[in-house]
Amino acid sequence: MSIQEQLKEVIESNEVILFMKGSPDFPQCGFSGKTAQMLAACDVRFASVDVLADQSVREGIKEFSNWPTVPQLYVRGEFIGGCDIMTEMYESGELQKVLKPDEQES
């Protein structure tokens, strides 16, 4: 199985997955730490993949999404974006809607 096939499988088998440097508890870059904190603030469970653990994953995810940087967030198989996009979405309330579409606004 190619790295692209493996990435597709991982993305499709997790509702919310963050490709990041390090882990949510021990991020290895500020951007990864910030994205993990935003997801935690949204009170959503998410899986994470440490791209530093595997060079083929680190390069492969950039090709998979056609996005040059990490972190990268996927929700229900769809690429959402990196730290800047997530920050804008979080501040506008859009990220929360994407993560929890079933929760109605009161």
PDB file of N, CA and C in Angstrom:
ATOM      1  N   MET A   1       0.842  -1.178   0.000  1.00  0.00           N
ATOM      2  CA  MET A   1       0.000   0.000   0.000  1.00  0.00           C
ATOM      3  C   MET A   1       0.892   1.248   0.000  1.00  0.00           C
ATOM      4  N   SER A   2       0.574   2.195  -0.877  1.00  0.00           N
ATOM      5  CA  SER A   2       1.387   3.410  -0.974  1.00  0.00           C
ATOM      6  C   SER A   2       1.120   4.331   0.215  1.00  0.00           C
ATOM      7  N   ILE A   3       1.993   5.286   0.434  1.00  0.00           N
ATOM      8  CA  ILE A   3       1.810   6.245   1.522  1.00  0.00           C
ATOM      9  C   ILE A   3       0.524   7.044   1.293  1.00  0.00           C
ATOM     10  N   GLN A   4       0.216   7.350   0.041  1.00  0.00           N
ATOM     11  CA  GLN A   4      -1.021   8.087  -0.256  1.00  0.00           C
ATOM     12  C   GLN A   4      -2.258   7.259   0.121  1.00  0.00           C
ATOM     13  N   GLU A   5      -2.214   5.971  -0.160  1.00  0.00           N
ATOM     14  CA  GLU A   5      -3.328   5.083   0.213  1.00  0.00           C
ATOM     15  C   GLU A   5      -3.444   4.967   1.730  1.00  0.00           C
ATOM     16  N   GLN A   6      -2.297   4.887   2.404  1.00  0.00           N
ATOM     17  CA  GLN A   6      -2.311   4.811   3.874  1.00  0.00           C
ATOM     18  C   GLN A   6      -2.893   6.089   4.476  1.00  0.00           C
ATOM     19  N   LEU A   7      -2.482   7.236   3.963  1.00  0.00           N
ATOM     20  CA  LEU A   7      -2.998   8.515   4.463  1.00  0.00           C
ATOM     21  C   LEU A   7      -4.502   8.610   4.250  1.00  0.00           C
ATOM     22  N   LYS A   8      -4.969   8.220   3.067  1.00  0.00           N
ATOM     23  CA  LYS A   8      -6.405   8.261   2.765  1.00  0.00           C
ATOM     24  C   LYS A   8      -7.179   7.397   3.758  1.00  0.00           C
ATOM     25  N   GLU A   9      -6.650   6.221   4.048  1.00  0.00           N
ATOM     26  CA  GLU A   9      -7.305   5.307   4.983  1.00  0.00           C
ATOM     27  C   GLU A   9      -7.369   5.910   6.394  1.00  0.00           C
ATOM     28  N   VAL A  10      -6.280   6.487   6.847  1.00  0.00           N
ATOM     29  CA  VAL A  10      -6.235   7.103   8.180  1.00  0.00           C
ATOM     30  C   VAL A  10      -7.216   8.271   8.257  1.00  0.00           C
ATOM     31  N   ILE A  11      -7.237   9.099   7.218  1.00  0.00           N
ATOM     32  CA  ILE A  11      -8.120  10.272   7.189  1.00  0.00           C
ATOM     33  C   ILE A  11      -9.581   9.836   7.181  1.00  0.00           C
ATOM     34  N   GLU A  12      -9.890   8.816   6.392  1.00  0.00           N
ATOM     35  CA  GLU A  12     -11.286   8.377   6.290  1.00  0.00           C
ATOM     36  C   GLU A  12     -11.763   7.622   7.524  1.00  0.00           C
ATOM     37  N   SER A  13     -10.831   7.054   8.290  1.00  0.00           N
ATOM     38  CA  SER A  13     -11.252   6.270   9.452  1.00  0.00           C
ATOM     39  C   SER A  13     -11.311   7.090  10.745  1.00  0.00           C
ATOM     40  N   ASN A  14     -11.004   8.384  10.674  1.00  0.00           N
ATOM     41  CA  ASN A  14     -11.092   9.267  11.835  1.00  0.00           C
ATOM     42  C   ASN A  14     -11.974  10.463  11.494  1.00  0.00           C
ATOM     43  N   GLU A  15     -12.977  10.723  12.317  1.00  0.00           N
ATOM     44  CA  GLU A  15     -13.877  11.844  12.032  1.00  0.00           C
ATOM     45  C   GLU A  15     -13.115  13.170  12.015  1.00  0.00           C
ATOM     46  N   VAL A  16     -12.247  13.365  13.009  1.00  0.00           N
ATOM     47  CA  VAL A  16     -11.430  14.583  13.085  1.00  0.00           C
ATOM     48  C   VAL A  16      -9.991  14.143  13.309  1.00  0.00           C
ATOM     49  N   ILE A  17      -9.100  14.533  12.420  1.00  0.00           N
ATOM     50  CA  ILE A  17      -7.699  14.146  12.563  1.00  0.00           C
ATOM     51  C   ILE A  17      -6.795  15.327  12.240  1.00  0.00           C
ATOM     52  N   LEU A  18      -5.796  15.494  13.086  1.00  0.00           N
ATOM     53  CA  LEU A  18      -4.837  16.588  12.940  1.00  0.00           C
ATOM     54  C   LEU A  18      -3.459  16.004  12.677  1.00  0.00           C
ATOM     55  N   PHE A  19      -2.900  16.350  11.522  1.00  0.00           N
ATOM     56  CA  PHE A  19      -1.511  15.998  11.230  1.00  0.00           C
ATOM     57  C   PHE A  19      -0.679  17.145  11.778  1.00  0.00           C
ATOM     58  N   MET A  20       0.220  16.838  12.713  1.00  0.00           N
ATOM     59  CA  MET A  20       0.946  17.882  13.427  1.00  0.00           C
ATOM     60  C   MET A  20       2.360  17.452  13.729  1.00  0.00           C
ATOM     61  N   LYS A  21       3.158  18.399  14.187  1.00  0.00           N
ATOM     62  CA  LYS A  21       4.516  18.096  14.638  1.00  0.00           C
ATOM     63  C   LYS A  21       4.440  17.863  16.142  1.00  0.00           C
ATOM     64  N   GLY A  22       4.708  16.637  16.546  1.00  0.00           N
ATOM     65  CA  GLY A  22       4.591  16.267  17.953  1.00  0.00           C
ATOM     66  C   GLY A  22       3.208  15.718  18.235  1.00  0.00           C
ATOM     67  N   SER A  23       2.775  15.862  19.485  1.00  0.00           N
ATOM     68  CA  SER A  23       1.456  15.370  19.899  1.00  0.00           C
ATOM     69  C   SER A  23       0.705  16.516  20.575  1.00  0.00           C
ATOM     70  N   PRO A  24      -0.617  16.362  20.768  1.00  0.00           N
ATOM     71  CA  PRO A  24      -1.365  17.424  21.450  1.00  0.00           C
ATOM     72  C   PRO A  24      -0.789  17.755  22.831  1.00  0.00           C
ATOM     73  N   ASP A  25      -0.284  16.752  23.537  1.00  0.00           N
ATOM     74  CA  ASP A  25       0.290  16.993  24.864  1.00  0.00           C
ATOM     75  C   ASP A  25       1.703  17.572  24.788  1.00  0.00           C
ATOM     76  N   PHE A  26       2.423  17.216  23.735  1.00  0.00           N
ATOM     77  CA  PHE A  26       3.804  17.683  23.574  1.00  0.00           C
ATOM     78  C   PHE A  26       4.047  18.159  22.141  1.00  0.00           C
ATOM     79  N   PRO A  27       3.425  19.272  21.751  1.00  0.00           N
ATOM     80  CA  PRO A  27       3.632  19.766  20.385  1.00  0.00           C
ATOM     81  C   PRO A  27       5.081  20.181  20.174  1.00  0.00           C
ATOM     82  N   GLN A  28       5.568  19.959  18.952  1.00  0.00           N
ATOM     83  CA  GLN A  28       6.953  20.275  18.623  1.00  0.00           C
ATOM     84  C   GLN A  28       7.084  21.560  17.808  1.00  0.00           C
ATOM     85  N   CYS A  29       5.979  22.285  17.641  1.00  0.00           N
ATOM     86  CA  CYS A  29       6.044  23.615  17.038  1.00  0.00           C
ATOM     87  C   CYS A  29       4.850  24.417  17.519  1.00  0.00           C
ATOM     88  N   GLY A  30       4.990  25.729  17.497  1.00  0.00           N
ATOM     89  CA  GLY A  30       3.938  26.603  17.996  1.00  0.00           C
ATOM     90  C   GLY A  30       2.630  26.478  17.236  1.00  0.00           C
ATOM     91  N   PHE A  31       2.728  26.317  15.921  1.00  0.00           N
ATOM     92  CA  PHE A  31       1.521  26.210  15.112  1.00  0.00           C
ATOM     93  C   PHE A  31       0.748  24.932  15.442  1.00  0.00           C
ATOM     94  N   SER A  32       1.486  23.829  15.618  1.00  0.00           N
ATOM     95  CA  SER A  32       0.834  22.567  15.979  1.00  0.00           C
ATOM     96  C   SER A  32       0.182  22.676  17.354  1.00  0.00           C
ATOM     97  N   GLY A  33       0.882  23.316  18.286  1.00  0.00           N
ATOM     98  CA  GLY A  33       0.324  23.500  19.620  1.00  0.00           C
ATOM     99  C   GLY A  33      -0.950  24.323  19.590  1.00  0.00           C
ATOM    100  N   LYS A  34      -0.938  25.387  18.798  1.00  0.00           N
ATOM    101  CA  LYS A  34      -2.111  26.266  18.710  1.00  0.00           C
ATOM    102  C   LYS A  34      -3.315  25.533  18.111  1.00  0.00           C
ATOM    103  N   THR A  35      -3.096  24.731  17.067  1.00  0.00           N
ATOM    104  CA  THR A  35      -4.219  24.029  16.443  1.00  0.00           C
ATOM    105  C   THR A  35      -4.804  22.988  17.395  1.00  0.00           C
ATOM    106  N   ALA A  36      -3.941  22.290  18.128  1.00  0.00           N
ATOM    107  CA  ALA A  36      -4.432  21.301  19.102  1.00  0.00           C
ATOM    108  C   ALA A  36      -5.231  21.999  20.204  1.00  0.00           C
ATOM    109  N   GLN A  37      -4.781  23.171  20.633  1.00  0.00           N
ATOM    110  CA  GLN A  37      -5.511  23.930  21.665  1.00  0.00           C
ATOM    111  C   GLN A  37      -6.870  24.384  21.160  1.00  0.00           C
ATOM    112  N   MET A  38      -6.944  24.795  19.905  1.00  0.00           N
ATOM    113  CA  MET A  38      -8.236  25.214  19.346  1.00  0.00           C
ATOM    114  C   MET A  38      -9.215  24.050  19.315  1.00  0.00           C
ATOM    115  N   LEU A  39      -8.730  22.885  18.905  1.00  0.00           N
ATOM    116  CA  LEU A  39      -9.610  21.712  18.872  1.00  0.00           C
ATOM    117  C   LEU A  39     -10.069  21.354  20.287  1.00  0.00           C
ATOM    118  N   ALA A  40      -9.154  21.427  21.247  1.00  0.00           N
ATOM    119  CA  ALA A  40      -9.519  21.149  22.640  1.00  0.00           C
ATOM    120  C   ALA A  40     -10.551  22.167  23.131  1.00  0.00           C
ATOM    121  N   ALA A  41     -10.378  23.439  22.756  1.00  0.00           N
ATOM    122  CA  ALA A  41     -11.308  24.487  23.166  1.00  0.00           C
ATOM    123  C   ALA A  41     -12.702  24.270  22.560  1.00  0.00           C
ATOM    124  N   CYS A  42     -12.745  23.602  21.416  1.00  0.00           N
ATOM    125  CA  CYS A  42     -14.031  23.282  20.778  1.00  0.00           C
ATOM    126  C   CYS A  42     -14.664  22.038  21.403  1.00  0.00           C
ATOM    127  N   ASP A  43     -13.953  21.434  22.353  1.00  0.00           N
ATOM    128  CA  ASP A  43     -14.443  20.254  23.065  1.00  0.00           C
ATOM    129  C   ASP A  43     -14.797  19.123  22.099  1.00  0.00           C
ATOM    130  N   VAL A  44     -13.860  18.861  21.194  1.00  0.00           N
ATOM    131  CA  VAL A  44     -14.072  17.794  20.222  1.00  0.00           C
ATOM    132  C   VAL A  44     -12.940  16.775  20.359  1.00  0.00           C
ATOM    133  N   ARG A  45     -13.336  15.517  20.260  1.00  0.00           N
ATOM    134  CA  ARG A  45     -12.316  14.455  20.273  1.00  0.00           C
ATOM    135  C   ARG A  45     -11.663  14.409  18.906  1.00  0.00           C
ATOM    136  N   PHE A  46     -10.347  14.257  18.893  1.00  0.00           N
ATOM    137  CA  PHE A  46      -9.662  14.189  17.607  1.00  0.00           C
ATOM    138  C   PHE A  46      -8.466  13.266  17.709  1.00  0.00           C
ATOM    139  N   ALA A  47      -8.149  12.662  16.583  1.00  0.00           N
ATOM    140  CA  ALA A  47      -6.945  11.843  16.475  1.00  0.00           C
ATOM    141  C   ALA A  47      -5.828  12.753  15.978  1.00  0.00           C
ATOM    142  N   SER A  48      -4.598  12.365  16.249  1.00  0.00           N
ATOM    143  CA  SER A  48      -3.475  13.143  15.729  1.00  0.00           C
ATOM    144  C   SER A  48      -2.401  12.198  15.209  1.00  0.00           C
ATOM    145  N   VAL A  49      -1.654  12.702  14.250  1.00  0.00           N
ATOM    146  CA  VAL A  49      -0.533  11.970  13.669  1.00  0.00           C
ATOM    147  C   VAL A  49       0.689  12.870  13.776  1.00  0.00           C
ATOM    148  N   ASP A  50       1.740  12.343  14.394  1.00  0.00           N
ATOM    149  CA  ASP A  50       3.000  13.087  14.512  1.00  0.00           C
ATOM    150  C   ASP A  50       3.798  12.902  13.230  1.00  0.00           C
ATOM    151  N   VAL A  51       3.848  13.947  12.415  1.00  0.00           N
ATOM    152  CA  VAL A  51       4.548  13.835  11.133  1.00  0.00           C
ATOM    153  C   VAL A  51       6.059  13.742  11.302  1.00  0.00           C
ATOM    154  N   LEU A  52       6.558  14.132  12.471  1.00  0.00           N
ATOM    155  CA  LEU A  52       8.000  14.043  12.699  1.00  0.00           C
ATOM    156  C   LEU A  52       8.455  12.602  12.907  1.00  0.00           C
ATOM    157  N   ALA A  53       7.522  11.720  13.223  1.00  0.00           N
ATOM    158  CA  ALA A  53       7.859  10.324  13.491  1.00  0.00           C
ATOM    159  C   ALA A  53       8.166   9.545  12.208  1.00  0.00           C
ATOM    160  N   ASP A  54       7.729  10.060  11.059  1.00  0.00           N
ATOM    161  CA  ASP A  54       7.883   9.312   9.816  1.00  0.00           C
ATOM    162  C   ASP A  54       8.040  10.290   8.648  1.00  0.00           C
ATOM    163  N   GLN A  55       9.216  10.298   8.051  1.00  0.00           N
ATOM    164  CA  GLN A  55       9.512  11.196   6.932  1.00  0.00           C
ATOM    165  C   GLN A  55       8.535  11.010   5.777  1.00  0.00           C
ATOM    166  N   SER A  56       8.141   9.767   5.505  1.00  0.00           N
ATOM    167  CA  SER A  56       7.236   9.532   4.372  1.00  0.00           C
ATOM    168  C   SER A  56       5.859  10.132   4.644  1.00  0.00           C
ATOM    169  N   VAL A  57       5.425  10.135   5.898  1.00  0.00           N
ATOM    170  CA  VAL A  57       4.158  10.768   6.257  1.00  0.00           C
ATOM    171  C   VAL A  57       4.294  12.288   6.144  1.00  0.00           C
ATOM    172  N   ARG A  58       5.405  12.816   6.627  1.00  0.00           N
ATOM    173  CA  ARG A  58       5.619  14.271   6.606  1.00  0.00           C
ATOM    174  C   ARG A  58       5.566  14.802   5.175  1.00  0.00           C
ATOM    175  N   GLU A  59       6.225  14.117   4.248  1.00  0.00           N
ATOM    176  CA  GLU A  59       6.200  14.549   2.855  1.00  0.00           C
ATOM    177  C   GLU A  59       4.892  14.143   2.170  1.00  0.00           C
ATOM    178  N   GLY A  60       4.425  12.964   2.501  1.00  0.00           N
ATOM    179  CA  GLY A  60       3.225  12.429   1.848  1.00  0.00           C
ATOM    180  C   GLY A  60       1.981  13.257   2.105  1.00  0.00           C
ATOM    181  N   ILE A  61       1.818  13.774   3.322  1.00  0.00           N
ATOM    182  CA  ILE A  61       0.605  14.533   3.639  1.00  0.00           C
ATOM    183  C   ILE A  61       0.589  15.855   2.876  1.00  0.00           C
ATOM    184  N   LYS A  62       1.766  16.415   2.622  1.00  0.00           N
ATOM    185  CA  LYS A  62       1.836  17.664   1.842  1.00  0.00           C
ATOM    186  C   LYS A  62       1.380  17.418   0.404  1.00  0.00           C
ATOM    187  N   GLU A  63       1.758  16.264  -0.137  1.00  0.00           N
ATOM    188  CA  GLU A  63       1.324  15.897  -1.488  1.00  0.00           C
ATOM    189  C   GLU A  63      -0.161  15.571  -1.487  1.00  0.00           C
ATOM    190  N   PHE A  64      -0.594  14.840  -0.464  1.00  0.00           N
ATOM    191  CA  PHE A  64      -1.984  14.383  -0.397  1.00  0.00           C
ATOM    192  C   PHE A  64      -2.945  15.569  -0.455  1.00  0.00           C
ATOM    193  N   SER A  65      -2.644  16.606   0.322  1.00  0.00           N
ATOM    194  CA  SER A  65      -3.532  17.757   0.421  1.00  0.00           C
ATOM    195  C   SER A  65      -3.173  18.866  -0.561  1.00  0.00           C
ATOM    196  N   ASN A  66      -2.003  18.737  -1.188  1.00  0.00           N
ATOM    197  CA  ASN A  66      -1.462  19.807  -2.022  1.00  0.00           C
ATOM    198  C   ASN A  66      -1.335  21.083  -1.191  1.00  0.00           C
ATOM    199  N   TRP A  67      -0.898  20.912   0.051  1.00  0.00           N
ATOM    200  CA  TRP A  67      -0.729  22.018   0.991  1.00  0.00           C
ATOM    201  C   TRP A  67       0.683  21.908   1.547  1.00  0.00           C
ATOM    202  N   PRO A  68       1.480  22.996   1.525  1.00  0.00           N
ATOM    203  CA  PRO A  68       2.909  22.873   1.793  1.00  0.00           C
ATOM    204  C   PRO A  68       3.322  22.776   3.263  1.00  0.00           C
ATOM    205  N   THR A  69       2.403  23.014   4.181  1.00  0.00           N
ATOM    206  CA  THR A  69       2.805  23.100   5.583  1.00  0.00           C
ATOM    207  C   THR A  69       2.002  22.168   6.487  1.00  0.00           C
ATOM    208  N   VAL A  70       2.538  21.963   7.670  1.00  0.00           N
ATOM    209  CA  VAL A  70       1.898  21.198   8.735  1.00  0.00           C
ATOM    210  C   VAL A  70       1.827  22.147   9.914  1.00  0.00           C
ATOM    211  N   PRO A  71       0.759  22.168  10.683  1.00  0.00           N
ATOM    212  CA  PRO A  71      -0.325  21.190  10.797  1.00  0.00           C
ATOM    213  C   PRO A  71      -1.368  21.275   9.680  1.00  0.00           C
ATOM    214  N   GLN A  72      -2.112  20.161   9.580  1.00  0.00           N
ATOM    215  CA  GLN A  72      -3.223  20.059   8.645  1.00  0.00           C
ATOM    216  C   GLN A  72      -4.383  19.379   9.355  1.00  0.00           C
ATOM    217  N   LEU A  73      -5.568  19.954   9.227  1.00  0.00           N
ATOM    218  CA  LEU A  73      -6.768  19.401   9.850  1.00  0.00           C
ATOM    219  C   LEU A  73      -7.700  18.827   8.799  1.00  0.00           C
ATOM    220  N   TYR A  74      -8.203  17.628   9.088  1.00  0.00           N
ATOM    221  CA  TYR A  74      -9.224  16.986   8.259  1.00  0.00           C
ATOM    222  C   TYR A  74     -10.427  16.692   9.141  1.00  0.00           C
ATOM    223  N   VAL A  75     -11.617  16.999   8.621  1.00  0.00           N
ATOM    224  CA  VAL A  75     -12.861  16.707   9.323  1.00  0.00           C
ATOM    225  C   VAL A  75     -13.747  15.902   8.380  1.00  0.00           C
ATOM    226  N   ARG A  76     -14.131  14.702   8.819  1.00  0.00           N
ATOM    227  CA  ARG A  76     -14.943  13.789   8.010  1.00  0.00           C
ATOM    228  C   ARG A  76     -14.388  13.644   6.589  1.00  0.00           C
ATOM    229  N   GLY A  77     -13.055  13.460   6.507  1.00  0.00           N
ATOM    230  CA  GLY A  77     -12.404  13.205   5.224  1.00  0.00           C
ATOM    231  C   GLY A  77     -12.092  14.436   4.403  1.00  0.00           C
ATOM    232  N   GLU A  78     -12.515  15.613   4.858  1.00  0.00           N
ATOM    233  CA  GLU A  78     -12.314  16.832   4.090  1.00  0.00           C
ATOM    234  C   GLU A  78     -11.174  17.657   4.680  1.00  0.00           C
ATOM    235  N   PHE A  79     -10.276  18.121   3.813  1.00  0.00           N
ATOM    236  CA  PHE A  79      -9.175  18.966   4.255  1.00  0.00           C
ATOM    237  C   PHE A  79      -9.726  20.336   4.614  1.00  0.00           C
ATOM    238  N   ILE A  80      -9.473  20.779   5.840  1.00  0.00           N
ATOM    239  CA  ILE A  80      -9.952  22.073   6.314  1.00  0.00           C
ATOM    240  C   ILE A  80      -8.878  23.139   6.130  1.00  0.00           C
ATOM    241  N   GLY A  81      -7.652  22.855   6.560  1.00  0.00           N
ATOM    242  CA  GLY A  81      -6.577  23.807   6.392  1.00  0.00           C
ATOM    243  C   GLY A  81      -5.545  23.699   7.490  1.00  0.00           C
ATOM    244  N   GLY A  82      -4.690  24.710   7.536  1.00  0.00           N
ATOM    245  CA  GLY A  82      -3.627  24.758   8.527  1.00  0.00           C
ATOM    246  C   GLY A  82      -3.950  25.748   9.634  1.00  0.00           C
ATOM    247  N   CYS A  83      -2.929  26.185  10.335  1.00  0.00           N
ATOM    248  CA  CYS A  83      -3.110  27.010  11.525  1.00  0.00           C
ATOM    249  C   CYS A  83      -3.811  28.334  11.234  1.00  0.00           C
ATOM    250  N   ASP A  84      -3.387  29.058  10.190  1.00  0.00           N
ATOM    251  CA  ASP A  84      -3.987  30.368   9.906  1.00  0.00           C
ATOM    252  C   ASP A  84      -5.467  30.236   9.572  1.00  0.00           C
ATOM    253  N   ILE A  85      -5.798  29.278   8.717  1.00  0.00           N
ATOM    254  CA  ILE A  85      -7.188  29.067   8.331  1.00  0.00           C
ATOM    255  C   ILE A  85      -8.004  28.642   9.552  1.00  0.00           C
ATOM    256  N   MET A  86      -7.464  27.717  10.346  1.00  0.00           N
ATOM    257  CA  MET A  86      -8.179  27.273  11.550  1.00  0.00           C
ATOM    258  C   MET A  86      -8.406  28.438  12.515  1.00  0.00           C
ATOM    259  N   THR A  87      -7.407  29.306  12.666  1.00  0.00           N
ATOM    260  CA  THR A  87      -7.537  30.448  13.579  1.00  0.00           C
ATOM    261  C   THR A  87      -8.661  31.375  13.116  1.00  0.00           C
ATOM    262  N   GLU A  88      -8.684  31.682  11.818  1.00  0.00           N
ATOM    263  CA  GLU A  88      -9.753  32.531  11.277  1.00  0.00           C
ATOM    264  C   GLU A  88     -11.115  31.880  11.492  1.00  0.00           C
ATOM    265  N   MET A  89     -11.204  30.588  11.216  1.00  0.00           N
ATOM    266  CA  MET A  89     -12.471  29.874  11.365  1.00  0.00           C
ATOM    267  C   MET A  89     -12.899  29.822  12.838  1.00  0.00           C
ATOM    268  N   TYR A  90     -11.938  29.597  13.719  1.00  0.00           N
ATOM    269  CA  TYR A  90     -12.239  29.520  15.152  1.00  0.00           C
ATOM    270  C   TYR A  90     -12.776  30.865  15.649  1.00  0.00           C
ATOM    271  N   GLU A  91     -12.103  31.935  15.262  1.00  0.00           N
ATOM    272  CA  GLU A  91     -12.498  33.270  15.733  1.00  0.00           C
ATOM    273  C   GLU A  91     -13.858  33.687  15.198  1.00  0.00           C
ATOM    274  N   SER A  92     -14.235  33.200  14.010  1.00  0.00           N
ATOM    275  CA  SER A  92     -15.534  33.547  13.427  1.00  0.00           C
ATOM    276  C   SER A  92     -16.645  32.593  13.881  1.00  0.00           C
ATOM    277  N   GLY A  93     -16.262  31.482  14.540  1.00  0.00           N
ATOM    278  CA  GLY A  93     -17.251  30.484  14.954  1.00  0.00           C
ATOM    279  C   GLY A  93     -17.482  29.403  13.913  1.00  0.00           C
ATOM    280  N   GLU A  94     -16.851  29.534  12.755  1.00  0.00           N
ATOM    281  CA  GLU A  94     -17.051  28.578  11.665  1.00  0.00           C
ATOM    282  C   GLU A  94     -16.452  27.205  11.988  1.00  0.00           C
ATOM    283  N   LEU A  95     -15.297  27.196  12.657  1.00  0.00           N
ATOM    284  CA  LEU A  95     -14.644  25.930  12.987  1.00  0.00           C
ATOM    285  C   LEU A  95     -15.549  25.069  13.862  1.00  0.00           C
ATOM    286  N   GLN A  96     -16.187  25.686  14.840  1.00  0.00           N
ATOM    287  CA  GLN A  96     -17.078  24.961  15.735  1.00  0.00           C
ATOM    288  C   GLN A  96     -18.235  24.331  14.950  1.00  0.00           C
ATOM    289  N   LYS A  97     -18.761  25.048  13.954  1.00  0.00           N
ATOM    290  CA  LYS A  97     -19.864  24.534  13.133  1.00  0.00           C
ATOM    291  C   LYS A  97     -19.401  23.350  12.288  1.00  0.00           C
ATOM    292  N   VAL A  98     -18.178  23.446  11.758  1.00  0.00           N
ATOM    293  CA  VAL A  98     -17.642  22.350  10.940  1.00  0.00           C
ATOM    294  C   VAL A  98     -17.425  21.104  11.806  1.00  0.00           C
ATOM    295  N   LEU A  99     -16.906  21.322  13.018  1.00  0.00           N
ATOM    296  CA  LEU A  99     -16.599  20.194  13.901  1.00  0.00           C
ATOM    297  C   LEU A  99     -17.845  19.538  14.467  1.00  0.00           C
ATOM    298  N   LYS A 100     -18.874  20.345  14.751  1.00  0.00           N
ATOM    299  CA  LYS A 100     -20.085  19.825  15.397  1.00  0.00           C
ATOM    300  C   LYS A 100     -21.329  20.314  14.636  1.00  0.00           C
ATOM    301  N   PRO A 101     -21.525  19.803  13.419  1.00  0.00           N
ATOM    302  CA  PRO A 101     -22.643  20.290  12.608  1.00  0.00           C
ATOM    303  C   PRO A 101     -24.012  19.916  13.172  1.00  0.00           C
ATOM    304  N   ASP A 102     -24.067  18.906  14.014  1.00  0.00           N
ATOM    305  CA  ASP A 102     -25.354  18.444  14.534  1.00  0.00           C
ATOM    306  C   ASP A 102     -25.873  19.326  15.669  1.00  0.00           C
ATOM    307  N   GLU A 103     -24.988  20.075  16.298  1.00  0.00           N
ATOM    308  CA  GLU A 103     -25.425  20.908  17.413  1.00  0.00           C
ATOM    309  C   GLU A 103     -26.071  22.163  16.875  1.00  0.00           C
ATOM    310  N   GLN A 104     -27.323  22.339  17.218  1.00  0.00           N
ATOM    311  CA  GLN A 104     -28.068  23.509  16.756  1.00  0.00           C
ATOM    312  C   GLN A 104     -27.691  24.715  17.595  1.00  0.00           C
ATOM    313  N   GLU A 105     -27.663  25.861  16.942  1.00  0.00           N
ATOM    314  CA  GLU A 105     -27.376  27.104  17.676  1.00  0.00           C
ATOM    315  C   GLU A 105     -28.608  27.463  18.491  1.00  0.00           C
ATOM    316  N   SER A 106     -28.381  27.931  19.701  1.00  0.00           N
ATOM    317  CA  SER A 106     -29.530  28.301  20.540  1.00  0.00           C
ATOM    318  C   SER A 106     -29.777  29.792  20.491  1.00  0.00           C
TER     319      SER A 106
END
